[in-house]
Amino acid sequence: ESREKLHRIADAIPGAVYQYMLGPSGEQRFLYLSRGVQELL
């Protein structure tokens, strides 16, 4: 329930809330992205 609540809050924020990871070998990816990324990209 807490995660869902946080996701709803993040989705309501203009833009995109994210968690980005950069690995030791240079690999990169988003661990989390709010729905706002669809409007941006």
All heavy atoms as atom14 arrays in JSON, in Angstrom:
{
  "sequence": "ESREKLHRIADAIPGAVYQYMLGPSGEQRFLYLSRGVQELL",
  "atom14_mask": [
    [1, 1, 1, 1, 1, 1, 1, 1, 1, 0, 0, 0, 0, 0],
    [1, 1, 1, 1, 1, 1, 0, 0, 0, 0, 0, 0, 0, 0],
    [1, 1, 1, 1, 1, 1, 1, 1, 1, 1, 1, 0, 0, 0],
    [1, 1, 1, 1, 1, 1, 1, 1, 1, 0, 0, 0, 0, 0],
    [1, 1, 1, 1, 1, 1, 1, 1, 1, 0, 0, 0, 0, 0],
    [1, 1, 1, 1, 1, 1, 1, 1, 0, 0, 0, 0, 0, 0],
    [1, 1, 1, 1, 1, 1, 1, 1, 1, 1, 0, 0, 0, 0],
    [1, 1, 1, 1, 1, 1, 1, 1, 1, 1, 1, 0, 0, 0],
    [1, 1, 1, 1, 1, 1, 1, 1, 0, 0, 0, 0, 0, 0],
    [1, 1, 1, 1, 1, 0, 0, 0, 0, 0, 0, 0, 0, 0],
    [1, 1, 1, 1, 1, 1, 1, 1, 0, 0, 0, 0, 0, 0],
    [1, 1, 1, 1, 1, 0, 0, 0, 0, 0, 0, 0, 0, 0],
    [1, 1, 1, 1, 1, 1, 1, 1, 0, 0, 0, 0, 0, 0],
    [1, 1, 1, 1, 1, 1, 1, 0, 0, 0, 0, 0, 0, 0],
    [1, 1, 1, 1, 0, 0, 0, 0, 0, 0, 0, 0, 0, 0],
    [1, 1, 1, 1, 1, 0, 0, 0, 0, 0, 0, 0, 0, 0],
    [1, 1, 1, 1, 1, 1, 1, 0, 0, 0, 0, 0, 0, 0],
    [1, 1, 1, 1, 1, 1, 1, 1, 1, 1, 1, 1, 0, 0],
    [1, 1, 1, 1, 1, 1, 1, 1, 1, 0, 0, 0, 0, 0],
    [1, 1, 1, 1, 1, 1, 1, 1, 1, 1, 1, 1, 0, 0],
    [1, 1, 1, 1, 1, 1, 1, 1, 0, 0, 0, 0, 0, 0],
    [1, 1, 1, 1, 1, 1, 1, 1, 0, 0, 0, 0, 0, 0],
    [1, 1, 1, 1, 0, 0, 0, 0, 0, 0, 0, 0, 0, 0],
    [1, 1, 1, 1, 1, 1, 1, 0, 0, 0, 0, 0, 0, 0],
    [1, 1, 1, 1, 1, 1, 0, 0, 0, 0, 0, 0, 0, 0],
    [1, 1, 1, 1, 0, 0, 0, 0, 0, 0, 0, 0, 0, 0],
    [1, 1, 1, 1, 1, 1, 1, 1, 1, 0, 0, 0, 0, 0],
    [1, 1, 1, 1, 1, 1, 1, 1, 1, 0, 0, 0, 0, 0],
    [1, 1, 1, 1, 1, 1, 1, 1, 1, 1, 1, 0, 0, 0],
    [1, 1, 1, 1, 1, 1, 1, 1, 1, 1, 1, 0, 0, 0],
    [1, 1, 1, 1, 1, 1, 1, 1, 0, 0, 0, 0, 0, 0],
    [1, 1, 1, 1, 1, 1, 1, 1, 1, 1, 1, 1, 0, 0],
    [1, 1, 1, 1, 1, 1, 1, 1, 0, 0, 0, 0, 0, 0],
    [1, 1, 1, 1, 1, 1, 0, 0, 0, 0, 0, 0, 0, 0],
    [1, 1, 1, 1, 1, 1, 1, 1, 1, 1, 1, 0, 0, 0],
    [1, 1, 1, 1, 0, 0, 0, 0, 0, 0, 0, 0, 0, 0],
    [1, 1, 1, 1, 1, 1, 1, 0, 0, 0, 0, 0, 0, 0],
    [1, 1, 1, 1, 1, 1, 1, 1, 1, 0, 0, 0, 0, 0],
    [1, 1, 1, 1, 1, 1, 1, 1, 1, 0, 0, 0, 0, 0],
    [1, 1, 1, 1, 1, 1, 1, 1, 0, 0, 0, 0, 0, 0],
    [1, 1, 1, 1, 1, 1, 1, 1, 0, 0, 0, 0, 0, 0]
  ],
  "atom14_positions": [
    [[0.82, -1.2, 0.0], [0.0, 0.0, 0.0], [0.87, 1.26, 0.0], [0.54, 2.25, -0.67], [-0.94, -0.01, 1.21], [-2.03, -1.07, 1.13], [-2.88, -1.12, 2.39], [-2.55, -0.38, 3.35], [-3.86, -1.89, 2.42], [0.0, 0.0, 0.0], [0.0, 0.0, 0.0], [0.0, 0.0, 0.0], [0.0, 0.0, 0.0], [0.0, 0.0, 0.0]],
    [[1.97, 1.23, 0.75], [2.87, 2.38, 0.79], [3.5, 2.62, -0.58], [3.62, 3.77, -1.03], [3.97, 2.15, 1.83], [3.44, 2.09, 3.14], [0.0, 0.0, 0.0], [0.0, 0.0, 0.0], [0.0, 0.0, 0.0], [0.0, 0.0, 0.0], [0.0, 0.0, 0.0], [0.0, 0.0, 0.0], [0.0, 0.0, 0.0], [0.0, 0.0, 0.0]],
    [[3.91, 1.55, -1.24], [4.5, 1.69, -2.57], [3.49, 2.24, -3.56], [3.82, 3.12, -4.37], [5.01, 0.32, -3.05], [6.3, -0.13, -2.36], [6.72, -1.5, -2.84], [7.99, -1.9, -2.26], [8.52, -3.11, -2.41], [7.89, -4.03, -3.15], [9.68, -3.4, -1.85], [0.0, 0.0, 0.0], [0.0, 0.0, 0.0], [0.0, 0.0, 0.0]],
    [[2.28, 1.74, -3.5], [1.24, 2.22, -4.4], [0.96, 3.7, -4.16], [0.74, 4.47, -5.1], [-0.03, 1.39, -4.23], [0.09, -0.03, -4.74], [-1.17, -0.85, -4.5], [-2.05, -0.34, -3.75], [-1.28, -1.95, -5.06], [0.0, 0.0, 0.0], [0.0, 0.0, 0.0], [0.0, 0.0, 0.0], [0.0, 0.0, 0.0], [0.0, 0.0, 0.0]],
    [[0.98, 4.08, -2.89], [0.76, 5.48, -2.54], [1.87, 6.36, -3.11], [1.62, 7.42, -3.69], [0.68, 5.64, -1.02], [0.39, 7.05, -0.56], [0.29, 7.11, 0.96], [-0.01, 8.52, 1.43], [-0.12, 8.59, 2.92], [0.0, 0.0, 0.0], [0.0, 0.0, 0.0], [0.0, 0.0, 0.0], [0.0, 0.0, 0.0], [0.0, 0.0, 0.0]],
    [[3.11, 5.9, -2.95], [4.25, 6.66, -3.49], [4.19, 6.75, -5.01], [4.5, 7.8, -5.58], [5.56, 6.01, -3.05], [5.93, 6.16, -1.57], [7.17, 5.34, -1.25], [6.17, 7.63, -1.22], [0.0, 0.0, 0.0], [0.0, 0.0, 0.0], [0.0, 0.0, 0.0], [0.0, 0.0, 0.0], [0.0, 0.0, 0.0], [0.0, 0.0, 0.0]],
    [[3.77, 5.66, -5.65], [3.66, 5.67, -7.1], [2.6, 6.66, -7.56], [2.78, 7.37, -8.57], [3.34, 4.27, -7.61], [4.48, 3.32, -7.49], [4.36, 1.96, -7.76], [5.77, 3.51, -7.11], [5.53, 1.37, -7.55], [6.39, 2.3, -7.16], [0.0, 0.0, 0.0], [0.0, 0.0, 0.0], [0.0, 0.0, 0.0], [0.0, 0.0, 0.0]],
    [[1.48, 6.71, -6.85], [0.42, 7.66, -7.22], [0.91, 9.09, -7.06], [0.6, 9.95, -7.9], [-0.82, 7.41, -6.35], [-1.59, 6.15, -6.71], [-2.97, 6.16, -6.08], [-2.91, 6.18, -4.62], [-2.87, 5.08, -3.86], [-2.87, 3.87, -4.43], [-2.83, 5.17, -2.55], [0.0, 0.0, 0.0], [0.0, 0.0, 0.0], [0.0, 0.0, 0.0]],
    [[1.65, 9.34, -6.01], [2.21, 10.69, -5.8], [3.19, 11.03, -6.92], [3.15, 12.12, -7.49], [2.91, 10.77, -4.43], [1.88, 10.65, -3.3], [3.69, 12.09, -4.31], [2.5, 10.57, -1.92], [0.0, 0.0, 0.0], [0.0, 0.0, 0.0], [0.0, 0.0, 0.0], [0.0, 0.0, 0.0], [0.0, 0.0, 0.0], [0.0, 0.0, 0.0]],
    [[4.07, 10.09, -7.25], [5.07, 10.31, -8.3], [4.4, 10.56, -9.65], [4.83, 11.41, -10.43], [6.02, 9.13, -8.39], [0.0, 0.0, 0.0], [0.0, 0.0, 0.0], [0.0, 0.0, 0.0], [0.0, 0.0, 0.0], [0.0, 0.0, 0.0], [0.0, 0.0, 0.0], [0.0, 0.0, 0.0], [0.0, 0.0, 0.0], [0.0, 0.0, 0.0]],
    [[3.33, 9.81, -9.93], [2.64, 9.97, -11.2], [1.93, 11.32, -11.31], [1.65, 11.79, -12.41], [1.62, 8.84, -11.38], [2.28, 7.49, -11.64], [3.45, 7.49, -12.08], [1.64, 6.45, -11.4], [0.0, 0.0, 0.0], [0.0, 0.0, 0.0], [0.0, 0.0, 0.0], [0.0, 0.0, 0.0], [0.0, 0.0, 0.0], [0.0, 0.0, 0.0]],
    [[1.63, 11.92, -10.16], [0.94, 13.21, -10.16], [1.9, 14.38, -10.33], [1.47, 15.51, -10.6], [0.15, 13.38, -8.87], [0.0, 0.0, 0.0], [0.0, 0.0, 0.0], [0.0, 0.0, 0.0], [0.0, 0.0, 0.0], [0.0, 0.0, 0.0], [0.0, 0.0, 0.0], [0.0, 0.0, 0.0], [0.0, 0.0, 0.0], [0.0, 0.0, 0.0]],
    [[3.2, 14.12, -10.18], [4.2, 15.19, -10.31], [4.49, 15.44, -11.79], [4.74, 14.51, -12.54], [5.49, 14.8, -9.57], [5.22, 14.67, -8.06], [6.6, 15.83, -9.83], [6.42, 14.16, -7.28], [0.0, 0.0, 0.0], [0.0, 0.0, 0.0], [0.0, 0.0, 0.0], [0.0, 0.0, 0.0], [0.0, 0.0, 0.0], [0.0, 0.0, 0.0]],
    [[4.45, 16.72, -12.23], [4.78, 17.04, -13.63], [6.19, 16.55, -13.98], [7.12, 16.68, -13.19], [4.7, 18.57, -13.68], [3.8, 18.93, -12.54], [4.08, 17.93, -11.46], [0.0, 0.0, 0.0], [0.0, 0.0, 0.0], [0.0, 0.0, 0.0], [0.0, 0.0, 0.0], [0.0, 0.0, 0.0], [0.0, 0.0, 0.0], [0.0, 0.0, 0.0]],
    [[6.34, 15.98, -15.17], [7.63, 15.42, -15.55], [7.69, 13.95, -15.19], [6.66, 13.27, -15.08], [0.0, 0.0, 0.0], [0.0, 0.0, 0.0], [0.0, 0.0, 0.0], [0.0, 0.0, 0.0], [0.0, 0.0, 0.0], [0.0, 0.0, 0.0], [0.0, 0.0, 0.0], [0.0, 0.0, 0.0], [0.0, 0.0, 0.0], [0.0, 0.0, 0.0]],
    [[8.89, 13.45, -15.02], [9.08, 12.04, -14.71], [9.99, 11.86, -13.5], [11.12, 12.35, -13.49], [9.67, 11.3, -15.91], [0.0, 0.0, 0.0], [0.0, 0.0, 0.0], [0.0, 0.0, 0.0], [0.0, 0.0, 0.0], [0.0, 0.0, 0.0], [0.0, 0.0, 0.0], [0.0, 0.0, 0.0], [0.0, 0.0, 0.0], [0.0, 0.0, 0.0]],
    [[9.48, 11.19, -12.48], [10.29, 10.84, -11.32], [10.99, 9.52, -11.65], [10.37, 8.61, -12.22], [9.41, 10.68, -10.06], [10.26, 10.24, -8.87], [8.7, 12.0, -9.75], [0.0, 0.0, 0.0], [0.0, 0.0, 0.0], [0.0, 0.0, 0.0], [0.0, 0.0, 0.0], [0.0, 0.0, 0.0], [0.0, 0.0, 0.0], [0.0, 0.0, 0.0]],
    [[12.27, 9.42, -11.32], [12.99, 8.21, -11.72], [14.04, 7.78, -10.7], [14.46, 8.56, -9.83], [13.68, 8.42, -13.08], [14.81, 9.43, -13.03], [16.11, 9.04, -12.73], [14.57, 10.78, -13.29], [17.15, 9.97, -12.68], [15.59, 11.71, -13.25], [16.88, 11.29, -12.95], [17.9, 12.22, -12.89], [0.0, 0.0, 0.0], [0.0, 0.0, 0.0]],
    [[14.47, 6.54, -10.86], [15.63, 6.01, -10.14], [16.53, 5.38, -11.19], [16.14, 4.43, -11.87], [15.2, 4.98, -9.1], [16.33, 4.57, -8.16], [15.85, 3.67, -7.03], [15.39, 2.55, -7.29], [15.94, 4.13, -5.8], [0.0, 0.0, 0.0], [0.0, 0.0, 0.0], [0.0, 0.0, 0.0], [0.0, 0.0, 0.0], [0.0, 0.0, 0.0]],
    [[17.72, 5.94, -11.3], [18.65, 5.54, -12.37], [19.86, 4.85, -11.76], [20.4, 5.3, -10.74], [19.08, 6.8, -13.14], [20.29, 6.63, -14.02], [20.2, 5.99, -15.26], [21.53, 7.14, -13.62], [21.33, 5.87, -16.07], [22.65, 7.02, -14.43], [22.55, 6.38, -15.64], [23.66, 6.25, -16.45], [0.0, 0.0, 0.0], [0.0, 0.0, 0.0]],
    [[20.29, 3.77, -12.41], [21.42, 2.98, -11.91], [22.55, 2.94, -12.92], [22.32, 2.75, -14.12], [20.97, 1.55, -11.61], [22.07, 0.66, -11.02], [21.81, -1.1, -11.34], [22.38, -1.24, -13.04], [0.0, 0.0, 0.0], [0.0, 0.0, 0.0], [0.0, 0.0, 0.0], [0.0, 0.0, 0.0], [0.0, 0.0, 0.0], [0.0, 0.0, 0.0]],
    [[23.76, 3.15, -12.43], [24.96, 3.0, -13.25], [25.84, 1.93, -12.61], [26.3, 2.08, -11.48], [25.72, 4.32, -13.34], [27.03, 4.31, -14.15], [26.75, 4.0, -15.62], [27.76, 5.64, -14.02], [0.0, 0.0, 0.0], [0.0, 0.0, 0.0], [0.0, 0.0, 0.0], [0.0, 0.0, 0.0], [0.0, 0.0, 0.0], [0.0, 0.0, 0.0]],
    [[26.04, 0.82, -13.34], [26.8, -0.3, -12.8], [28.3, -0.11, -12.93], [28.78, 0.78, -13.64], [0.0, 0.0, 0.0], [0.0, 0.0, 0.0], [0.0, 0.0, 0.0], [0.0, 0.0, 0.0], [0.0, 0.0, 0.0], [0.0, 0.0, 0.0], [0.0, 0.0, 0.0], [0.0, 0.0, 0.0], [0.0, 0.0, 0.0], [0.0, 0.0, 0.0]],
    [[29.08, -0.95, -12.27], [30.55, -0.83, -12.29], [31.15, -1.02, -13.67], [32.24, -0.52, -13.96], [31.0, -1.92, -11.32], [29.87, -2.9, -11.28], [28.63, -2.08, -11.44], [0.0, 0.0, 0.0], [0.0, 0.0, 0.0], [0.0, 0.0, 0.0], [0.0, 0.0, 0.0], [0.0, 0.0, 0.0], [0.0, 0.0, 0.0], [0.0, 0.0, 0.0]],
    [[30.47, -1.72, -14.54], [30.98, -1.95, -15.9], [30.38, -0.99, -16.91], [30.59, -1.15, -18.12], [30.68, -3.4, -16.33], [31.29, -4.32, -15.44], [0.0, 0.0, 0.0], [0.0, 0.0, 0.0], [0.0, 0.0, 0.0], [0.0, 0.0, 0.0], [0.0, 0.0, 0.0], [0.0, 0.0, 0.0], [0.0, 0.0, 0.0], [0.0, 0.0, 0.0]],
    [[29.64, 0.0, -16.41], [29.05, 0.98, -17.31], [27.62, 0.7, -17.71], [27.01, 1.52, -18.4], [0.0, 0.0, 0.0], [0.0, 0.0, 0.0], [0.0, 0.0, 0.0], [0.0, 0.0, 0.0], [0.0, 0.0, 0.0], [0.0, 0.0, 0.0], [0.0, 0.0, 0.0], [0.0, 0.0, 0.0], [0.0, 0.0, 0.0], [0.0, 0.0, 0.0]],
    [[27.08, -0.45, -17.28], [25.69, -0.73, -17.63], [24.77, 0.25, -16.9], [25.03, 0.64, -15.76], [25.32, -2.18, -17.29], [25.3, -2.52, -15.79], [26.67, -2.95, -15.27], [27.68, -2.63, -15.93], [26.71, -3.58, -14.2], [0.0, 0.0, 0.0], [0.0, 0.0, 0.0], [0.0, 0.0, 0.0], [0.0, 0.0, 0.0], [0.0, 0.0, 0.0]],
    [[23.72, 0.64, -17.58], [22.8, 1.62, -16.99], [21.36, 1.28, -17.32], [21.05, 0.74, -18.38], [23.14, 3.02, -17.51], [23.24, 3.13, -19.02], [23.79, 4.46, -19.47], [23.61, 5.46, -18.81], [24.44, 4.48, -20.63], [0.0, 0.0, 0.0], [0.0, 0.0, 0.0], [0.0, 0.0, 0.0], [0.0, 0.0, 0.0], [0.0, 0.0, 0.0]],
    [[20.5, 1.62, -16.39], [19.08, 1.39, -16.6], [18.27, 2.14, -15.55], [18.81, 2.57, -14.52], [18.74, -0.11, -16.56], [18.99, -0.79, -15.23], [18.85, -2.3, -15.38], [19.09, -3.02, -14.15], [18.15, -3.42, -13.31], [16.87, -3.15, -13.57], [18.45, -4.1, -12.21], [0.0, 0.0, 0.0], [0.0, 0.0, 0.0], [0.0, 0.0, 0.0]],
    [[16.99, 2.27, -15.84], [16.08, 2.86, -14.88], [15.52, 1.75, -13.99], [14.98, 0.76, -14.48], [14.93, 3.58, -15.58], [15.31, 4.89, -16.2], [15.22, 5.08, -17.56], [15.74, 5.94, -15.4], [15.56, 6.29, -18.14], [16.09, 7.16, -15.96], [16.01, 7.34, -17.33], [0.0, 0.0, 0.0], [0.0, 0.0, 0.0], [0.0, 0.0, 0.0]],
    [[15.64, 1.94, -12.69], [15.03, 1.0, -11.76], [13.57, 1.36, -11.51], [12.76, 0.5, -11.15], [15.79, 1.02, -10.42], [17.28, 0.66, -10.5], [17.91, 0.75, -9.12], [17.48, -0.73, -11.09], [0.0, 0.0, 0.0], [0.0, 0.0, 0.0], [0.0, 0.0, 0.0], [0.0, 0.0, 0.0], [0.0, 0.0, 0.0], [0.0, 0.0, 0.0]],
    [[13.27, 2.63, -11.71], [11.88, 3.1, -11.56], [11.67, 4.32, -12.44], [12.55, 5.16, -12.6], [11.57, 3.46, -10.1], [10.23, 4.14, -9.95], [9.06, 3.41, -10.01], [10.15, 5.53, -9.82], [7.82, 4.03, -9.92], [8.91, 6.16, -9.72], [7.77, 5.41, -9.78], [6.54, 6.02, -9.7], [0.0, 0.0, 0.0], [0.0, 0.0, 0.0]],
    [[10.48, 4.44, -13.0], [10.08, 5.6, -13.8], [8.59, 5.84, -13.59], [7.79, 4.89, -13.66], [10.34, 5.37, -15.28], [11.62, 5.92, -15.9], [11.74, 5.47, -17.34], [11.66, 7.44, -15.82], [0.0, 0.0, 0.0], [0.0, 0.0, 0.0], [0.0, 0.0, 0.0], [0.0, 0.0, 0.0], [0.0, 0.0, 0.0], [0.0, 0.0, 0.0]],
    [[8.22, 7.08, -13.34], [6.8, 7.38, -13.22], [6.17, 7.49, -14.6], [6.86, 7.56, -15.62], [6.6, 8.68, -12.44], [7.15, 9.78, -13.16], [0.0, 0.0, 0.0], [0.0, 0.0, 0.0], [0.0, 0.0, 0.0], [0.0, 0.0, 0.0], [0.0, 0.0, 0.0], [0.0, 0.0, 0.0], [0.0, 0.0, 0.0], [0.0, 0.0, 0.0]],
    [[4.85, 7.52, -14.63], [4.13, 7.52, -15.9], [4.38, 8.79, -16.71], [4.12, 8.82, -17.92], [2.63, 7.35, -15.65], [2.27, 5.98, -15.08], [0.79, 5.9, -14.8], [0.42, 4.61, -14.22], [-0.82, 4.31, -13.8], [-1.78, 5.22, -13.91], [-1.06, 3.14, -13.28], [0.0, 0.0, 0.0], [0.0, 0.0, 0.0], [0.0, 0.0, 0.0]],
    [[4.86, 9.84, -16.07], [5.09, 11.1, -16.77], [6.09, 11.0, -17.9], [6.14, 11.86, -18.78], [0.0, 0.0, 0.0], [0.0, 0.0, 0.0], [0.0, 0.0, 0.0], [0.0, 0.0, 0.0], [0.0, 0.0, 0.0], [0.0, 0.0, 0.0], [0.0, 0.0, 0.0], [0.0, 0.0, 0.0], [0.0, 0.0, 0.0], [0.0, 0.0, 0.0]],
    [[6.9, 9.93, -17.9], [7.9, 9.77, -18.96], [7.24, 9.62, -20.33], [7.82, 9.99, -21.36], [8.82, 8.55, -18.68], [8.06, 7.24, -18.84], [10.03, 8.58, -19.58], [0.0, 0.0, 0.0], [0.0, 0.0, 0.0], [0.0, 0.0, 0.0], [0.0, 0.0, 0.0], [0.0, 0.0, 0.0], [0.0, 0.0, 0.0], [0.0, 0.0, 0.0]],
    [[6.01, 9.11, -20.34], [5.34, 8.94, -21.62], [5.02, 10.29, -22.26], [5.12, 10.44, -23.49], [4.04, 8.12, -21.45], [3.37, 7.79, -22.77], [2.49, 6.57, -22.68], [2.34, 5.96, -21.62], [1.91, 6.17, -23.8], [0.0, 0.0, 0.0], [0.0, 0.0, 0.0], [0.0, 0.0, 0.0], [0.0, 0.0, 0.0], [0.0, 0.0, 0.0]],
    [[4.66, 11.27, -21.44], [4.39, 12.6, -21.98], [5.68, 13.27, -22.45], [5.69, 14.02, -23.41], [3.71, 13.46, -20.93], [3.3, 14.83, -21.43], [2.53, 15.63, -20.4], [2.17, 15.05, -19.36], [2.31, 16.82, -20.62], [0.0, 0.0, 0.0], [0.0, 0.0, 0.0], [0.0, 0.0, 0.0], [0.0, 0.0, 0.0], [0.0, 0.0, 0.0]],
    [[6.79, 12.98, -21.76], [8.07, 13.58, -22.13], [8.66, 12.95, -23.38], [9.13, 13.66, -24.28], [9.08, 13.42, -20.98], [8.82, 14.2, -19.68], [9.93, 13.9, -18.68], [8.73, 15.68, -19.94], [0.0, 0.0, 0.0], [0.0, 0.0, 0.0], [0.0, 0.0, 0.0], [0.0, 0.0, 0.0], [0.0, 0.0, 0.0], [0.0, 0.0, 0.0]],
    [[8.67, 11.62, -23.43], [9.4, 10.92, -24.49], [8.52, 10.07, -25.41], [9.03, 9.46, -26.35], [10.47, 10.01, -23.86], [11.47, 10.7, -22.93], [12.42, 9.66, -22.34], [12.26, 11.77, -23.68], [0.0, 0.0, 0.0], [0.0, 0.0, 0.0], [0.0, 0.0, 0.0], [0.0, 0.0, 0.0], [0.0, 0.0, 0.0], [0.0, 0.0, 0.0]]
  ]
}
